[in-house]
Amino acid sequence: CSHHFCPVIGKVWIGVMPNEHTNVI
């Protein structure tokens, strides 16, 4: 965290709805 420089530990979920022009990574 920017306030105290204490750790922030967690998880992220990412949802993508592609289309025919979407770049795939």
PDBML (XML) file of the C-alpha atoms, coordinates in Angstrom:
<?xml version="1.0" encoding="UTF-8" ?>
<PDBx:datablock datablockName="MODEL"
   xmlns:PDBx="http://pdbml.pdb.org/schema/pdbx-v50.xsd"
   xmlns:xsi="http://www.w3.org/2001/XMLSchema-instance"
   xsi:schemaLocation="http://pdbml.pdb.org/schema/pdbx-v50.xsd pdbx-v50.xsd">
   <PDBx:atom_siteCategory>
      <PDBx:atom_site id="1">
         <PDBx:B_iso_or_equiv>0.00</PDBx:B_iso_or_equiv>
         <PDBx:Cartn_x>0.000</PDBx:Cartn_x>
         <PDBx:Cartn_y>0.000</PDBx:Cartn_y>
         <PDBx:Cartn_z>0.000</PDBx:Cartn_z>
         <PDBx:auth_asym_id>A</PDBx:auth_asym_id>
         <PDBx:auth_atom_id>CA</PDBx:auth_atom_id>
         <PDBx:auth_comp_id>CYS</PDBx:auth_comp_id>
         <PDBx:auth_seq_id>1</PDBx:auth_seq_id>
         <PDBx:group_PDB>ATOM</PDBx:group_PDB>
         <PDBx:label_alt_id xsi:nil="true" />
         <PDBx:label_asym_id>A</PDBx:label_asym_id>
         <PDBx:label_atom_id>CA</PDBx:label_atom_id>
         <PDBx:label_comp_id>CYS</PDBx:label_comp_id>
         <PDBx:label_entity_id>1</PDBx:label_entity_id>
         <PDBx:label_seq_id>1</PDBx:label_seq_id>
         <PDBx:occupancy>1.00</PDBx:occupancy>
         <PDBx:pdbx_PDB_model_num>1</PDBx:pdbx_PDB_model_num>
         <PDBx:type_symbol>C</PDBx:type_symbol>
      </PDBx:atom_site>
      <PDBx:atom_site id="2">
         <PDBx:B_iso_or_equiv>0.00</PDBx:B_iso_or_equiv>
         <PDBx:Cartn_x>1.192</PDBx:Cartn_x>
         <PDBx:Cartn_y>3.505</PDBx:Cartn_y>
         <PDBx:Cartn_z>-0.805</PDBx:Cartn_z>
         <PDBx:auth_asym_id>A</PDBx:auth_asym_id>
         <PDBx:auth_atom_id>CA</PDBx:auth_atom_id>
         <PDBx:auth_comp_id>SER</PDBx:auth_comp_id>
         <PDBx:auth_seq_id>2</PDBx:auth_seq_id>
         <PDBx:group_PDB>ATOM</PDBx:group_PDB>
         <PDBx:label_alt_id xsi:nil="true" />
         <PDBx:label_asym_id>A</PDBx:label_asym_id>
         <PDBx:label_atom_id>CA</PDBx:label_atom_id>
         <PDBx:label_comp_id>SER</PDBx:label_comp_id>
         <PDBx:label_entity_id>1</PDBx:label_entity_id>
         <PDBx:label_seq_id>2</PDBx:label_seq_id>
         <PDBx:occupancy>1.00</PDBx:occupancy>
         <PDBx:pdbx_PDB_model_num>1</PDBx:pdbx_PDB_model_num>
         <PDBx:type_symbol>C</PDBx:type_symbol>
      </PDBx:atom_site>
      <PDBx:atom_site id="3">
         <PDBx:B_iso_or_equiv>0.00</PDBx:B_iso_or_equiv>
         <PDBx:Cartn_x>0.204</PDBx:Cartn_x>
         <PDBx:Cartn_y>4.744</PDBx:Cartn_y>
         <PDBx:Cartn_z>2.651</PDBx:Cartn_z>
         <PDBx:auth_asym_id>A</PDBx:auth_asym_id>
         <PDBx:auth_atom_id>CA</PDBx:auth_atom_id>
         <PDBx:auth_comp_id>HIS</PDBx:auth_comp_id>
         <PDBx:auth_seq_id>3</PDBx:auth_seq_id>
         <PDBx:group_PDB>ATOM</PDBx:group_PDB>
         <PDBx:label_alt_id xsi:nil="true" />
         <PDBx:label_asym_id>A</PDBx:label_asym_id>
         <PDBx:label_atom_id>CA</PDBx:label_atom_id>
         <PDBx:label_comp_id>HIS</PDBx:label_comp_id>
         <PDBx:label_entity_id>1</PDBx:label_entity_id>
         <PDBx:label_seq_id>3</PDBx:label_seq_id>
         <PDBx:occupancy>1.00</PDBx:occupancy>
         <PDBx:pdbx_PDB_model_num>1</PDBx:pdbx_PDB_model_num>
         <PDBx:type_symbol>C</PDBx:type_symbol>
      </PDBx:atom_site>
      <PDBx:atom_site id="4">
         <PDBx:B_iso_or_equiv>0.00</PDBx:B_iso_or_equiv>
         <PDBx:Cartn_x>2.347</PDBx:Cartn_x>
         <PDBx:Cartn_y>2.503</PDBx:Cartn_y>
         <PDBx:Cartn_z>4.870</PDBx:Cartn_z>
         <PDBx:auth_asym_id>A</PDBx:auth_asym_id>
         <PDBx:auth_atom_id>CA</PDBx:auth_atom_id>
         <PDBx:auth_comp_id>HIS</PDBx:auth_comp_id>
         <PDBx:auth_seq_id>4</PDBx:auth_seq_id>
         <PDBx:group_PDB>ATOM</PDBx:group_PDB>
         <PDBx:label_alt_id xsi:nil="true" />
         <PDBx:label_asym_id>A</PDBx:label_asym_id>
         <PDBx:label_atom_id>CA</PDBx:label_atom_id>
         <PDBx:label_comp_id>HIS</PDBx:label_comp_id>
         <PDBx:label_entity_id>1</PDBx:label_entity_id>
         <PDBx:label_seq_id>4</PDBx:label_seq_id>
         <PDBx:occupancy>1.00</PDBx:occupancy>
         <PDBx:pdbx_PDB_model_num>1</PDBx:pdbx_PDB_model_num>
         <PDBx:type_symbol>C</PDBx:type_symbol>
      </PDBx:atom_site>
      <PDBx:atom_site id="5">
         <PDBx:B_iso_or_equiv>0.00</PDBx:B_iso_or_equiv>
         <PDBx:Cartn_x>4.373</PDBx:Cartn_x>
         <PDBx:Cartn_y>0.327</PDBx:Cartn_y>
         <PDBx:Cartn_z>2.450</PDBx:Cartn_z>
         <PDBx:auth_asym_id>A</PDBx:auth_asym_id>
         <PDBx:auth_atom_id>CA</PDBx:auth_atom_id>
         <PDBx:auth_comp_id>PHE</PDBx:auth_comp_id>
         <PDBx:auth_seq_id>5</PDBx:auth_seq_id>
         <PDBx:group_PDB>ATOM</PDBx:group_PDB>
         <PDBx:label_alt_id xsi:nil="true" />
         <PDBx:label_asym_id>A</PDBx:label_asym_id>
         <PDBx:label_atom_id>CA</PDBx:label_atom_id>
         <PDBx:label_comp_id>PHE</PDBx:label_comp_id>
         <PDBx:label_entity_id>1</PDBx:label_entity_id>
         <PDBx:label_seq_id>5</PDBx:label_seq_id>
         <PDBx:occupancy>1.00</PDBx:occupancy>
         <PDBx:pdbx_PDB_model_num>1</PDBx:pdbx_PDB_model_num>
         <PDBx:type_symbol>C</PDBx:type_symbol>
      </PDBx:atom_site>
      <PDBx:atom_site id="6">
         <PDBx:B_iso_or_equiv>0.00</PDBx:B_iso_or_equiv>
         <PDBx:Cartn_x>2.757</PDBx:Cartn_x>
         <PDBx:Cartn_y>-2.700</PDBx:Cartn_y>
         <PDBx:Cartn_z>4.103</PDBx:Cartn_z>
         <PDBx:auth_asym_id>A</PDBx:auth_asym_id>
         <PDBx:auth_atom_id>CA</PDBx:auth_atom_id>
         <PDBx:auth_comp_id>CYS</PDBx:auth_comp_id>
         <PDBx:auth_seq_id>6</PDBx:auth_seq_id>
         <PDBx:group_PDB>ATOM</PDBx:group_PDB>
         <PDBx:label_alt_id xsi:nil="true" />
         <PDBx:label_asym_id>A</PDBx:label_asym_id>
         <PDBx:label_atom_id>CA</PDBx:label_atom_id>
         <PDBx:label_comp_id>CYS</PDBx:label_comp_id>
         <PDBx:label_entity_id>1</PDBx:label_entity_id>
         <PDBx:label_seq_id>6</PDBx:label_seq_id>
         <PDBx:occupancy>1.00</PDBx:occupancy>
         <PDBx:pdbx_PDB_model_num>1</PDBx:pdbx_PDB_model_num>
         <PDBx:type_symbol>C</PDBx:type_symbol>
      </PDBx:atom_site>
      <PDBx:atom_site id="7">
         <PDBx:B_iso_or_equiv>0.00</PDBx:B_iso_or_equiv>
         <PDBx:Cartn_x>2.155</PDBx:Cartn_x>
         <PDBx:Cartn_y>-5.790</PDBx:Cartn_y>
         <PDBx:Cartn_z>1.938</PDBx:Cartn_z>
         <PDBx:auth_asym_id>A</PDBx:auth_asym_id>
         <PDBx:auth_atom_id>CA</PDBx:auth_atom_id>
         <PDBx:auth_comp_id>PRO</PDBx:auth_comp_id>
         <PDBx:auth_seq_id>7</PDBx:auth_seq_id>
         <PDBx:group_PDB>ATOM</PDBx:group_PDB>
         <PDBx:label_alt_id xsi:nil="true" />
         <PDBx:label_asym_id>A</PDBx:label_asym_id>
         <PDBx:label_atom_id>CA</PDBx:label_atom_id>
         <PDBx:label_comp_id>PRO</PDBx:label_comp_id>
         <PDBx:label_entity_id>1</PDBx:label_entity_id>
         <PDBx:label_seq_id>7</PDBx:label_seq_id>
         <PDBx:occupancy>1.00</PDBx:occupancy>
         <PDBx:pdbx_PDB_model_num>1</PDBx:pdbx_PDB_model_num>
         <PDBx:type_symbol>C</PDBx:type_symbol>
      </PDBx:atom_site>
      <PDBx:atom_site id="8">
         <PDBx:B_iso_or_equiv>0.00</PDBx:B_iso_or_equiv>
         <PDBx:Cartn_x>-1.014</PDBx:Cartn_x>
         <PDBx:Cartn_y>-6.227</PDBx:Cartn_y>
         <PDBx:Cartn_z>-0.106</PDBx:Cartn_z>
         <PDBx:auth_asym_id>A</PDBx:auth_asym_id>
         <PDBx:auth_atom_id>CA</PDBx:auth_atom_id>
         <PDBx:auth_comp_id>VAL</PDBx:auth_comp_id>
         <PDBx:auth_seq_id>8</PDBx:auth_seq_id>
         <PDBx:group_PDB>ATOM</PDBx:group_PDB>
         <PDBx:label_alt_id xsi:nil="true" />
         <PDBx:label_asym_id>A</PDBx:label_asym_id>
         <PDBx:label_atom_id>CA</PDBx:label_atom_id>
         <PDBx:label_comp_id>VAL</PDBx:label_comp_id>
         <PDBx:label_entity_id>1</PDBx:label_entity_id>
         <PDBx:label_seq_id>8</PDBx:label_seq_id>
         <PDBx:occupancy>1.00</PDBx:occupancy>
         <PDBx:pdbx_PDB_model_num>1</PDBx:pdbx_PDB_model_num>
         <PDBx:type_symbol>C</PDBx:type_symbol>
      </PDBx:atom_site>
      <PDBx:atom_site id="9">
         <PDBx:B_iso_or_equiv>0.00</PDBx:B_iso_or_equiv>
         <PDBx:Cartn_x>-1.404</PDBx:Cartn_x>
         <PDBx:Cartn_y>-9.867</PDBx:Cartn_y>
         <PDBx:Cartn_z>-1.116</PDBx:Cartn_z>
         <PDBx:auth_asym_id>A</PDBx:auth_asym_id>
         <PDBx:auth_atom_id>CA</PDBx:auth_atom_id>
         <PDBx:auth_comp_id>ILE</PDBx:auth_comp_id>
         <PDBx:auth_seq_id>9</PDBx:auth_seq_id>
         <PDBx:group_PDB>ATOM</PDBx:group_PDB>
         <PDBx:label_alt_id xsi:nil="true" />
         <PDBx:label_asym_id>A</PDBx:label_asym_id>
         <PDBx:label_atom_id>CA</PDBx:label_atom_id>
         <PDBx:label_comp_id>ILE</PDBx:label_comp_id>
         <PDBx:label_entity_id>1</PDBx:label_entity_id>
         <PDBx:label_seq_id>9</PDBx:label_seq_id>
         <PDBx:occupancy>1.00</PDBx:occupancy>
         <PDBx:pdbx_PDB_model_num>1</PDBx:pdbx_PDB_model_num>
         <PDBx:type_symbol>C</PDBx:type_symbol>
      </PDBx:atom_site>
      <PDBx:atom_site id="10">
         <PDBx:B_iso_or_equiv>0.00</PDBx:B_iso_or_equiv>
         <PDBx:Cartn_x>-4.326</PDBx:Cartn_x>
         <PDBx:Cartn_y>-11.272</PDBx:Cartn_y>
         <PDBx:Cartn_z>-3.019</PDBx:Cartn_z>
         <PDBx:auth_asym_id>A</PDBx:auth_asym_id>
         <PDBx:auth_atom_id>CA</PDBx:auth_atom_id>
         <PDBx:auth_comp_id>GLY</PDBx:auth_comp_id>
         <PDBx:auth_seq_id>10</PDBx:auth_seq_id>
         <PDBx:group_PDB>ATOM</PDBx:group_PDB>
         <PDBx:label_alt_id xsi:nil="true" />
         <PDBx:label_asym_id>A</PDBx:label_asym_id>
         <PDBx:label_atom_id>CA</PDBx:label_atom_id>
         <PDBx:label_comp_id>GLY</PDBx:label_comp_id>
         <PDBx:label_entity_id>1</PDBx:label_entity_id>
         <PDBx:label_seq_id>10</PDBx:label_seq_id>
         <PDBx:occupancy>1.00</PDBx:occupancy>
         <PDBx:pdbx_PDB_model_num>1</PDBx:pdbx_PDB_model_num>
         <PDBx:type_symbol>C</PDBx:type_symbol>
      </PDBx:atom_site>
      <PDBx:atom_site id="11">
         <PDBx:B_iso_or_equiv>0.00</PDBx:B_iso_or_equiv>
         <PDBx:Cartn_x>-5.749</PDBx:Cartn_x>
         <PDBx:Cartn_y>-12.789</PDBx:Cartn_y>
         <PDBx:Cartn_z>-6.175</PDBx:Cartn_z>
         <PDBx:auth_asym_id>A</PDBx:auth_asym_id>
         <PDBx:auth_atom_id>CA</PDBx:auth_atom_id>
         <PDBx:auth_comp_id>LYS</PDBx:auth_comp_id>
         <PDBx:auth_seq_id>11</PDBx:auth_seq_id>
         <PDBx:group_PDB>ATOM</PDBx:group_PDB>
         <PDBx:label_alt_id xsi:nil="true" />
         <PDBx:label_asym_id>A</PDBx:label_asym_id>
         <PDBx:label_atom_id>CA</PDBx:label_atom_id>
         <PDBx:label_comp_id>LYS</PDBx:label_comp_id>
         <PDBx:label_entity_id>1</PDBx:label_entity_id>
         <PDBx:label_seq_id>11</PDBx:label_seq_id>
         <PDBx:occupancy>1.00</PDBx:occupancy>
         <PDBx:pdbx_PDB_model_num>1</PDBx:pdbx_PDB_model_num>
         <PDBx:type_symbol>C</PDBx:type_symbol>
      </PDBx:atom_site>
      <PDBx:atom_site id="12">
         <PDBx:B_iso_or_equiv>0.00</PDBx:B_iso_or_equiv>
         <PDBx:Cartn_x>-7.007</PDBx:Cartn_x>
         <PDBx:Cartn_y>-11.412</PDBx:Cartn_y>
         <PDBx:Cartn_z>-9.473</PDBx:Cartn_z>
         <PDBx:auth_asym_id>A</PDBx:auth_asym_id>
         <PDBx:auth_atom_id>CA</PDBx:auth_atom_id>
         <PDBx:auth_comp_id>VAL</PDBx:auth_comp_id>
         <PDBx:auth_seq_id>12</PDBx:auth_seq_id>
         <PDBx:group_PDB>ATOM</PDBx:group_PDB>
         <PDBx:label_alt_id xsi:nil="true" />
         <PDBx:label_asym_id>A</PDBx:label_asym_id>
         <PDBx:label_atom_id>CA</PDBx:label_atom_id>
         <PDBx:label_comp_id>VAL</PDBx:label_comp_id>
         <PDBx:label_entity_id>1</PDBx:label_entity_id>
         <PDBx:label_seq_id>12</PDBx:label_seq_id>
         <PDBx:occupancy>1.00</PDBx:occupancy>
         <PDBx:pdbx_PDB_model_num>1</PDBx:pdbx_PDB_model_num>
         <PDBx:type_symbol>C</PDBx:type_symbol>
      </PDBx:atom_site>
      <PDBx:atom_site id="13">
         <PDBx:B_iso_or_equiv>0.00</PDBx:B_iso_or_equiv>
         <PDBx:Cartn_x>-9.506</PDBx:Cartn_x>
         <PDBx:Cartn_y>-12.875</PDBx:Cartn_y>
         <PDBx:Cartn_z>-11.935</PDBx:Cartn_z>
         <PDBx:auth_asym_id>A</PDBx:auth_asym_id>
         <PDBx:auth_atom_id>CA</PDBx:auth_atom_id>
         <PDBx:auth_comp_id>TRP</PDBx:auth_comp_id>
         <PDBx:auth_seq_id>13</PDBx:auth_seq_id>
         <PDBx:group_PDB>ATOM</PDBx:group_PDB>
         <PDBx:label_alt_id xsi:nil="true" />
         <PDBx:label_asym_id>A</PDBx:label_asym_id>
         <PDBx:label_atom_id>CA</PDBx:label_atom_id>
         <PDBx:label_comp_id>TRP</PDBx:label_comp_id>
         <PDBx:label_entity_id>1</PDBx:label_entity_id>
         <PDBx:label_seq_id>13</PDBx:label_seq_id>
         <PDBx:occupancy>1.00</PDBx:occupancy>
         <PDBx:pdbx_PDB_model_num>1</PDBx:pdbx_PDB_model_num>
         <PDBx:type_symbol>C</PDBx:type_symbol>
      </PDBx:atom_site>
      <PDBx:atom_site id="14">
         <PDBx:B_iso_or_equiv>0.00</PDBx:B_iso_or_equiv>
         <PDBx:Cartn_x>-9.625</PDBx:Cartn_x>
         <PDBx:Cartn_y>-11.539</PDBx:Cartn_y>
         <PDBx:Cartn_z>-15.493</PDBx:Cartn_z>
         <PDBx:auth_asym_id>A</PDBx:auth_asym_id>
         <PDBx:auth_atom_id>CA</PDBx:auth_atom_id>
         <PDBx:auth_comp_id>ILE</PDBx:auth_comp_id>
         <PDBx:auth_seq_id>14</PDBx:auth_seq_id>
         <PDBx:group_PDB>ATOM</PDBx:group_PDB>
         <PDBx:label_alt_id xsi:nil="true" />
         <PDBx:label_asym_id>A</PDBx:label_asym_id>
         <PDBx:label_atom_id>CA</PDBx:label_atom_id>
         <PDBx:label_comp_id>ILE</PDBx:label_comp_id>
         <PDBx:label_entity_id>1</PDBx:label_entity_id>
         <PDBx:label_seq_id>14</PDBx:label_seq_id>
         <PDBx:occupancy>1.00</PDBx:occupancy>
         <PDBx:pdbx_PDB_model_num>1</PDBx:pdbx_PDB_model_num>
         <PDBx:type_symbol>C</PDBx:type_symbol>
      </PDBx:atom_site>
      <PDBx:atom_site id="15">
         <PDBx:B_iso_or_equiv>0.00</PDBx:B_iso_or_equiv>
         <PDBx:Cartn_x>-12.556</PDBx:Cartn_x>
         <PDBx:Cartn_y>-12.040</PDBx:Cartn_y>
         <PDBx:Cartn_z>-17.847</PDBx:Cartn_z>
         <PDBx:auth_asym_id>A</PDBx:auth_asym_id>
         <PDBx:auth_atom_id>CA</PDBx:auth_atom_id>
         <PDBx:auth_comp_id>GLY</PDBx:auth_comp_id>
         <PDBx:auth_seq_id>15</PDBx:auth_seq_id>
         <PDBx:group_PDB>ATOM</PDBx:group_PDB>
         <PDBx:label_alt_id xsi:nil="true" />
         <PDBx:label_asym_id>A</PDBx:label_asym_id>
         <PDBx:label_atom_id>CA</PDBx:label_atom_id>
         <PDBx:label_comp_id>GLY</PDBx:label_comp_id>
         <PDBx:label_entity_id>1</PDBx:label_entity_id>
         <PDBx:label_seq_id>15</PDBx:label_seq_id>
         <PDBx:occupancy>1.00</PDBx:occupancy>
         <PDBx:pdbx_PDB_model_num>1</PDBx:pdbx_PDB_model_num>
         <PDBx:type_symbol>C</PDBx:type_symbol>
      </PDBx:atom_site>
      <PDBx:atom_site id="16">
         <PDBx:B_iso_or_equiv>0.00</PDBx:B_iso_or_equiv>
         <PDBx:Cartn_x>-12.195</PDBx:Cartn_x>
         <PDBx:Cartn_y>-11.310</PDBx:Cartn_y>
         <PDBx:Cartn_z>-21.555</PDBx:Cartn_z>
         <PDBx:auth_asym_id>A</PDBx:auth_asym_id>
         <PDBx:auth_atom_id>CA</PDBx:auth_atom_id>
         <PDBx:auth_comp_id>VAL</PDBx:auth_comp_id>
         <PDBx:auth_seq_id>16</PDBx:auth_seq_id>
         <PDBx:group_PDB>ATOM</PDBx:group_PDB>
         <PDBx:label_alt_id xsi:nil="true" />
         <PDBx:label_asym_id>A</PDBx:label_asym_id>
         <PDBx:label_atom_id>CA</PDBx:label_atom_id>
         <PDBx:label_comp_id>VAL</PDBx:label_comp_id>
         <PDBx:label_entity_id>1</PDBx:label_entity_id>
         <PDBx:label_seq_id>16</PDBx:label_seq_id>
         <PDBx:occupancy>1.00</PDBx:occupancy>
         <PDBx:pdbx_PDB_model_num>1</PDBx:pdbx_PDB_model_num>
         <PDBx:type_symbol>C</PDBx:type_symbol>
      </PDBx:atom_site>
      <PDBx:atom_site id="17">
         <PDBx:B_iso_or_equiv>0.00</PDBx:B_iso_or_equiv>
         <PDBx:Cartn_x>-14.902</PDBx:Cartn_x>
         <PDBx:Cartn_y>-11.259</PDBx:Cartn_y>
         <PDBx:Cartn_z>-24.201</PDBx:Cartn_z>
         <PDBx:auth_asym_id>A</PDBx:auth_asym_id>
         <PDBx:auth_atom_id>CA</PDBx:auth_atom_id>
         <PDBx:auth_comp_id>MET</PDBx:auth_comp_id>
         <PDBx:auth_seq_id>17</PDBx:auth_seq_id>
         <PDBx:group_PDB>ATOM</PDBx:group_PDB>
         <PDBx:label_alt_id xsi:nil="true" />
         <PDBx:label_asym_id>A</PDBx:label_asym_id>
         <PDBx:label_atom_id>CA</PDBx:label_atom_id>
         <PDBx:label_comp_id>MET</PDBx:label_comp_id>
         <PDBx:label_entity_id>1</PDBx:label_entity_id>
         <PDBx:label_seq_id>17</PDBx:label_seq_id>
         <PDBx:occupancy>1.00</PDBx:occupancy>
         <PDBx:pdbx_PDB_model_num>1</PDBx:pdbx_PDB_model_num>
         <PDBx:type_symbol>C</PDBx:type_symbol>
      </PDBx:atom_site>
      <PDBx:atom_site id="18">
         <PDBx:B_iso_or_equiv>0.00</PDBx:B_iso_or_equiv>
         <PDBx:Cartn_x>-12.955</PDBx:Cartn_x>
         <PDBx:Cartn_y>-11.320</PDBx:Cartn_y>
         <PDBx:Cartn_z>-27.489</PDBx:Cartn_z>
         <PDBx:auth_asym_id>A</PDBx:auth_asym_id>
         <PDBx:auth_atom_id>CA</PDBx:auth_atom_id>
         <PDBx:auth_comp_id>PRO</PDBx:auth_comp_id>
         <PDBx:auth_seq_id>18</PDBx:auth_seq_id>
         <PDBx:group_PDB>ATOM</PDBx:group_PDB>
         <PDBx:label_alt_id xsi:nil="true" />
         <PDBx:label_asym_id>A</PDBx:label_asym_id>
         <PDBx:label_atom_id>CA</PDBx:label_atom_id>
         <PDBx:label_comp_id>PRO</PDBx:label_comp_id>
         <PDBx:label_entity_id>1</PDBx:label_entity_id>
         <PDBx:label_seq_id>18</PDBx:label_seq_id>
         <PDBx:occupancy>1.00</PDBx:occupancy>
         <PDBx:pdbx_PDB_model_num>1</PDBx:pdbx_PDB_model_num>
         <PDBx:type_symbol>C</PDBx:type_symbol>
      </PDBx:atom_site>
      <PDBx:atom_site id="19">
         <PDBx:B_iso_or_equiv>0.00</PDBx:B_iso_or_equiv>
         <PDBx:Cartn_x>-14.043</PDBx:Cartn_x>
         <PDBx:Cartn_y>-10.384</PDBx:Cartn_y>
         <PDBx:Cartn_z>-30.969</PDBx:Cartn_z>
         <PDBx:auth_asym_id>A</PDBx:auth_asym_id>
         <PDBx:auth_atom_id>CA</PDBx:auth_atom_id>
         <PDBx:auth_comp_id>ASN</PDBx:auth_comp_id>
         <PDBx:auth_seq_id>19</PDBx:auth_seq_id>
         <PDBx:group_PDB>ATOM</PDBx:group_PDB>
         <PDBx:label_alt_id xsi:nil="true" />
         <PDBx:label_asym_id>A</PDBx:label_asym_id>
         <PDBx:label_atom_id>CA</PDBx:label_atom_id>
         <PDBx:label_comp_id>ASN</PDBx:label_comp_id>
         <PDBx:label_entity_id>1</PDBx:label_entity_id>
         <PDBx:label_seq_id>19</PDBx:label_seq_id>
         <PDBx:occupancy>1.00</PDBx:occupancy>
         <PDBx:pdbx_PDB_model_num>1</PDBx:pdbx_PDB_model_num>
         <PDBx:type_symbol>C</PDBx:type_symbol>
      </PDBx:atom_site>
      <PDBx:atom_site id="20">
         <PDBx:B_iso_or_equiv>0.00</PDBx:B_iso_or_equiv>
         <PDBx:Cartn_x>-12.580</PDBx:Cartn_x>
         <PDBx:Cartn_y>-11.194</PDBx:Cartn_y>
         <PDBx:Cartn_z>-34.376</PDBx:Cartn_z>
         <PDBx:auth_asym_id>A</PDBx:auth_asym_id>
         <PDBx:auth_atom_id>CA</PDBx:auth_atom_id>
         <PDBx:auth_comp_id>GLU</PDBx:auth_comp_id>
         <PDBx:auth_seq_id>20</PDBx:auth_seq_id>
         <PDBx:group_PDB>ATOM</PDBx:group_PDB>
         <PDBx:label_alt_id xsi:nil="true" />
         <PDBx:label_asym_id>A</PDBx:label_asym_id>
         <PDBx:label_atom_id>CA</PDBx:label_atom_id>
         <PDBx:label_comp_id>GLU</PDBx:label_comp_id>
         <PDBx:label_entity_id>1</PDBx:label_entity_id>
         <PDBx:label_seq_id>20</PDBx:label_seq_id>
         <PDBx:occupancy>1.00</PDBx:occupancy>
         <PDBx:pdbx_PDB_model_num>1</PDBx:pdbx_PDB_model_num>
         <PDBx:type_symbol>C</PDBx:type_symbol>
      </PDBx:atom_site>
      <PDBx:atom_site id="21">
         <PDBx:B_iso_or_equiv>0.00</PDBx:B_iso_or_equiv>
         <PDBx:Cartn_x>-10.167</PDBx:Cartn_x>
         <PDBx:Cartn_y>-8.252</PDBx:Cartn_y>
         <PDBx:Cartn_z>-34.076</PDBx:Cartn_z>
         <PDBx:auth_asym_id>A</PDBx:auth_asym_id>
         <PDBx:auth_atom_id>CA</PDBx:auth_atom_id>
         <PDBx:auth_comp_id>HIS</PDBx:auth_comp_id>
         <PDBx:auth_seq_id>21</PDBx:auth_seq_id>
         <PDBx:group_PDB>ATOM</PDBx:group_PDB>
         <PDBx:label_alt_id xsi:nil="true" />
         <PDBx:label_asym_id>A</PDBx:label_asym_id>
         <PDBx:label_atom_id>CA</PDBx:label_atom_id>
         <PDBx:label_comp_id>HIS</PDBx:label_comp_id>
         <PDBx:label_entity_id>1</PDBx:label_entity_id>
         <PDBx:label_seq_id>21</PDBx:label_seq_id>
         <PDBx:occupancy>1.00</PDBx:occupancy>
         <PDBx:pdbx_PDB_model_num>1</PDBx:pdbx_PDB_model_num>
         <PDBx:type_symbol>C</PDBx:type_symbol>
      </PDBx:atom_site>
      <PDBx:atom_site id="22">
         <PDBx:B_iso_or_equiv>0.00</PDBx:B_iso_or_equiv>
         <PDBx:Cartn_x>-9.023</PDBx:Cartn_x>
         <PDBx:Cartn_y>-9.051</PDBx:Cartn_y>
         <PDBx:Cartn_z>-30.537</PDBx:Cartn_z>
         <PDBx:auth_asym_id>A</PDBx:auth_asym_id>
         <PDBx:auth_atom_id>CA</PDBx:auth_atom_id>
         <PDBx:auth_comp_id>THR</PDBx:auth_comp_id>
         <PDBx:auth_seq_id>22</PDBx:auth_seq_id>
         <PDBx:group_PDB>ATOM</PDBx:group_PDB>
         <PDBx:label_alt_id xsi:nil="true" />
         <PDBx:label_asym_id>A</PDBx:label_asym_id>
         <PDBx:label_atom_id>CA</PDBx:label_atom_id>
         <PDBx:label_comp_id>THR</PDBx:label_comp_id>
         <PDBx:label_entity_id>1</PDBx:label_entity_id>
         <PDBx:label_seq_id>22</PDBx:label_seq_id>
         <PDBx:occupancy>1.00</PDBx:occupancy>
         <PDBx:pdbx_PDB_model_num>1</PDBx:pdbx_PDB_model_num>
         <PDBx:type_symbol>C</PDBx:type_symbol>
      </PDBx:atom_site>
      <PDBx:atom_site id="23">
         <PDBx:B_iso_or_equiv>0.00</PDBx:B_iso_or_equiv>
         <PDBx:Cartn_x>-5.346</PDBx:Cartn_x>
         <PDBx:Cartn_y>-9.843</PDBx:Cartn_y>
         <PDBx:Cartn_z>-30.098</PDBx:Cartn_z>
         <PDBx:auth_asym_id>A</PDBx:auth_asym_id>
         <PDBx:auth_atom_id>CA</PDBx:auth_atom_id>
         <PDBx:auth_comp_id>ASN</PDBx:auth_comp_id>
         <PDBx:auth_seq_id>23</PDBx:auth_seq_id>
         <PDBx:group_PDB>ATOM</PDBx:group_PDB>
         <PDBx:label_alt_id xsi:nil="true" />
         <PDBx:label_asym_id>A</PDBx:label_asym_id>
         <PDBx:label_atom_id>CA</PDBx:label_atom_id>
         <PDBx:label_comp_id>ASN</PDBx:label_comp_id>
         <PDBx:label_entity_id>1</PDBx:label_entity_id>
         <PDBx:label_seq_id>23</PDBx:label_seq_id>
         <PDBx:occupancy>1.00</PDBx:occupancy>
         <PDBx:pdbx_PDB_model_num>1</PDBx:pdbx_PDB_model_num>
         <PDBx:type_symbol>C</PDBx:type_symbol>
      </PDBx:atom_site>
      <PDBx:atom_site id="24">
         <PDBx:B_iso_or_equiv>0.00</PDBx:B_iso_or_equiv>
         <PDBx:Cartn_x>-4.748</PDBx:Cartn_x>
         <PDBx:Cartn_y>-13.182</PDBx:Cartn_y>
         <PDBx:Cartn_z>-28.392</PDBx:Cartn_z>
         <PDBx:auth_asym_id>A</PDBx:auth_asym_id>
         <PDBx:auth_atom_id>CA</PDBx:auth_atom_id>
         <PDBx:auth_comp_id>VAL</PDBx:auth_comp_id>
         <PDBx:auth_seq_id>24</PDBx:auth_seq_id>
         <PDBx:group_PDB>ATOM</PDBx:group_PDB>
         <PDBx:label_alt_id xsi:nil="true" />
         <PDBx:label_asym_id>A</PDBx:label_asym_id>
         <PDBx:label_atom_id>CA</PDBx:label_atom_id>
         <PDBx:label_comp_id>VAL</PDBx:label_comp_id>
         <PDBx:label_entity_id>1</PDBx:label_entity_id>
         <PDBx:label_seq_id>24</PDBx:label_seq_id>
         <PDBx:occupancy>1.00</PDBx:occupancy>
         <PDBx:pdbx_PDB_model_num>1</PDBx:pdbx_PDB_model_num>
         <PDBx:type_symbol>C</PDBx:type_symbol>
      </PDBx:atom_site>
      <PDBx:atom_site id="25">
         <PDBx:B_iso_or_equiv>0.00</PDBx:B_iso_or_equiv>
         <PDBx:Cartn_x>-2.011</PDBx:Cartn_x>
         <PDBx:Cartn_y>-13.371</PDBx:Cartn_y>
         <PDBx:Cartn_z>-25.757</PDBx:Cartn_z>
         <PDBx:auth_asym_id>A</PDBx:auth_asym_id>
         <PDBx:auth_atom_id>CA</PDBx:auth_atom_id>
         <PDBx:auth_comp_id>ILE</PDBx:auth_comp_id>
         <PDBx:auth_seq_id>25</PDBx:auth_seq_id>
         <PDBx:group_PDB>ATOM</PDBx:group_PDB>
         <PDBx:label_alt_id xsi:nil="true" />
         <PDBx:label_asym_id>A</PDBx:label_asym_id>
         <PDBx:label_atom_id>CA</PDBx:label_atom_id>
         <PDBx:label_comp_id>ILE</PDBx:label_comp_id>
         <PDBx:label_entity_id>1</PDBx:label_entity_id>
         <PDBx:label_seq_id>25</PDBx:label_seq_id>
         <PDBx:occupancy>1.00</PDBx:occupancy>
         <PDBx:pdbx_PDB_model_num>1</PDBx:pdbx_PDB_model_num>
         <PDBx:type_symbol>C</PDBx:type_symbol>
      </PDBx:atom_site>
   </PDBx:atom_siteCategory>
</PDBx:datablock>
